[in-house]
Amino acid sequence: MFQVSINGEPVEGDVTFLTAVIYEQEFSRDIIKDLFGKQDAESGAIEIAGKGDKARIVSIDYTKVDWTNVMRAVWAAIRTADDSVPSFKAWMKSVRNANSWELRSMVVDAAYDCFFRAELAEEGAEAE
């Protein structure tokens, strides 16, 4: 579970395997492909110069993130936590105030934790 602020109100989201089903049923797309796609170490969206206290952001490339896919995933996670959430279109129409970076961070972290739990694979290998 995670909590984000949308329209100044706390909203809970949850990423489970049901979230993938909700996402696919609503958008006819795969949430893992849409959120993660191909990850290149050299193509980060944020470029930072300096280190420690002297570090500063020197550029942000908003083209590196598919923001519509992020919002689809956020909606599916919120819908997983609360069945009463309206359709994606109706929900998006109501969203006026949100930190898109925060939304992306929270939903990607939750999806990674749900779908790619490395420690579980390691535990299974130890049991053999």
Protein backbone atom coordinates (compact mmCIF):
# COMPACT_ATOMS: atom_id res chain seq x y z
CA MET A 1 0.00 0.00 0.00
CA PHE A 2 1.09 3.57 -0.60
CA GLN A 3 -0.45 6.96 -0.01
CA VAL A 4 -0.27 10.00 -2.29
CA SER A 5 -1.86 13.42 -2.27
CA ILE A 6 -4.36 14.12 -5.05
CA ASN A 7 -6.39 17.32 -5.02
CA GLY A 8 -4.96 18.00 -1.56
CA GLU A 9 -6.41 14.80 -0.11
CA PRO A 10 -4.59 11.61 0.88
CA VAL A 11 -5.41 8.72 -1.45
CA GLU A 12 -4.36 5.11 -0.95
CA GLY A 13 -3.17 2.86 -3.72
CA ASP A 14 -2.18 -0.78 -3.73
CA VAL A 15 -0.35 -2.76 -6.38
CA THR A 16 -1.18 -6.45 -6.45
CA PHE A 17 -1.54 -8.90 -9.29
CA LEU A 18 -5.17 -7.76 -9.42
CA THR A 19 -3.86 -4.33 -10.42
CA ALA A 20 -2.37 -5.90 -13.56
CA VAL A 21 -5.76 -7.44 -14.39
CA ILE A 22 -7.64 -4.17 -13.78
CA TYR A 23 -5.10 -2.32 -15.95
CA GLU A 24 -5.33 -4.83 -18.79
CA GLN A 25 -9.14 -4.95 -18.69
CA GLU A 26 -9.43 -1.15 -18.77
CA PHE A 27 -6.66 -0.30 -21.25
CA SER A 28 -5.95 -3.54 -23.18
CA ARG A 29 -2.29 -2.99 -22.26
CA ASP A 30 0.30 -4.59 -20.01
CA ILE A 31 1.15 -2.56 -16.89
CA ILE A 32 4.71 -3.94 -16.66
CA LYS A 33 5.53 -3.03 -20.26
CA ASP A 34 3.94 0.39 -19.84
CA LEU A 35 5.63 1.25 -16.54
CA PHE A 36 9.05 -0.25 -17.09
CA GLY A 37 9.51 -0.70 -20.85
CA LYS A 38 13.20 -0.84 -21.67
CA GLN A 39 15.37 0.70 -18.99
CA ASP A 40 18.68 2.22 -20.05
CA ALA A 41 21.16 3.19 -17.34
CA GLU A 42 22.40 6.07 -19.48
CA SER A 43 18.99 7.58 -20.22
CA GLY A 44 17.89 8.88 -16.84
CA ALA A 45 15.18 11.52 -16.76
CA ILE A 46 17.08 13.64 -14.22
CA GLU A 47 20.68 14.75 -14.65
CA ILE A 48 22.49 15.77 -11.46
CA ALA A 49 25.80 17.63 -11.28
CA GLY A 50 28.07 17.67 -8.25
CA LYS A 51 28.09 15.53 -5.14
CA GLY A 52 26.81 15.72 -1.59
CA ASP A 53 25.72 19.20 -0.48
CA LYS A 54 26.90 20.64 -3.80
CA ALA A 55 24.66 18.39 -5.92
CA ARG A 56 22.09 20.15 -8.08
CA ILE A 57 19.69 19.20 -10.83
CA VAL A 58 20.98 20.46 -14.16
CA SER A 59 18.27 19.08 -16.42
CA ILE A 60 15.02 17.16 -16.37
CA ASP A 61 13.94 15.29 -19.49
CA TYR A 62 10.18 14.89 -19.26
CA THR A 63 10.18 12.94 -22.55
CA LYS A 64 11.78 9.92 -20.82
CA VAL A 65 8.55 9.13 -18.96
CA ASP A 66 5.21 8.18 -20.50
CA TRP A 67 3.11 10.25 -18.11
CA THR A 68 -0.23 8.90 -19.37
CA ASN A 69 0.91 5.37 -18.54
CA VAL A 70 1.90 6.56 -15.07
CA MET A 71 -1.57 7.98 -14.50
CA ARG A 72 -3.16 4.77 -15.83
CA ALA A 73 -1.09 2.75 -13.36
CA VAL A 74 -1.88 5.12 -10.48
CA TRP A 75 -5.59 4.85 -11.24
CA ALA A 76 -5.39 1.03 -11.39
CA ALA A 77 -3.55 0.98 -8.04
CA ILE A 78 -6.13 3.28 -6.45
CA ARG A 79 -8.91 1.19 -7.95
CA THR A 80 -7.27 -1.94 -6.48
CA ALA A 81 -7.44 -0.33 -3.04
CA ASP A 82 -10.98 1.04 -3.51
CA ASP A 83 -13.55 -0.54 -5.85
CA SER A 84 -15.69 2.60 -5.71
CA VAL A 85 -13.17 4.69 -7.70
CA PRO A 86 -14.89 5.85 -10.90
CA SER A 87 -13.83 4.99 -14.43
CA PHE A 88 -10.40 6.22 -15.56
CA LYS A 89 -11.87 9.02 -17.67
CA ALA A 90 -14.14 10.28 -14.86
CA TRP A 91 -11.32 10.01 -12.32
CA MET A 92 -8.85 11.88 -14.57
CA LYS A 93 -11.42 14.61 -15.10
CA SER A 94 -11.47 15.15 -11.33
CA VAL A 95 -7.67 15.24 -10.82
CA ARG A 96 -6.46 18.83 -10.66
CA ASN A 97 -3.61 18.88 -8.20
CA ALA A 98 -0.99 16.14 -7.89
CA ASN A 99 2.77 15.80 -7.92
CA SER A 100 3.41 13.65 -10.98
CA TRP A 101 6.96 12.80 -9.88
CA GLU A 102 5.63 11.56 -6.54
CA LEU A 103 2.88 9.55 -8.25
CA ARG A 104 5.41 7.97 -10.60
CA SER A 105 7.82 7.15 -7.80
CA MET A 106 5.18 5.60 -5.57
CA VAL A 107 3.48 3.47 -8.23
CA VAL A 108 6.74 2.30 -9.83
CA ASP A 109 8.19 1.36 -6.42
CA ALA A 110 4.99 -0.49 -5.48
CA ALA A 111 4.86 -2.30 -8.85
CA TYR A 112 8.51 -3.29 -8.64
CA ASP A 113 7.98 -4.58 -5.11
CA CYS A 114 4.93 -6.57 -6.17
CA PHE A 115 6.12 -8.04 -9.47
CA PHE A 116 9.91 -8.35 -9.00
CA ARG A 117 10.65 -9.45 -5.43
CA ALA A 118 14.32 -10.46 -5.66
CA GLU A 119 14.55 -11.57 -2.03
CA LEU A 120 11.77 -14.11 -2.58
CA ALA A 121 13.67 -15.66 -5.49
CA GLU A 122 16.79 -15.82 -3.32
CA GLU A 123 14.84 -17.44 -0.46
CA GLY A 124 13.49 -20.09 -2.86
CA ALA A 125 17.00 -20.89 -4.07
CA GLU A 126 18.22 -21.31 -0.49
CA ALA A 127 15.39 -23.74 0.30
CA GLU A 128 16.49 -26.12 -2.48
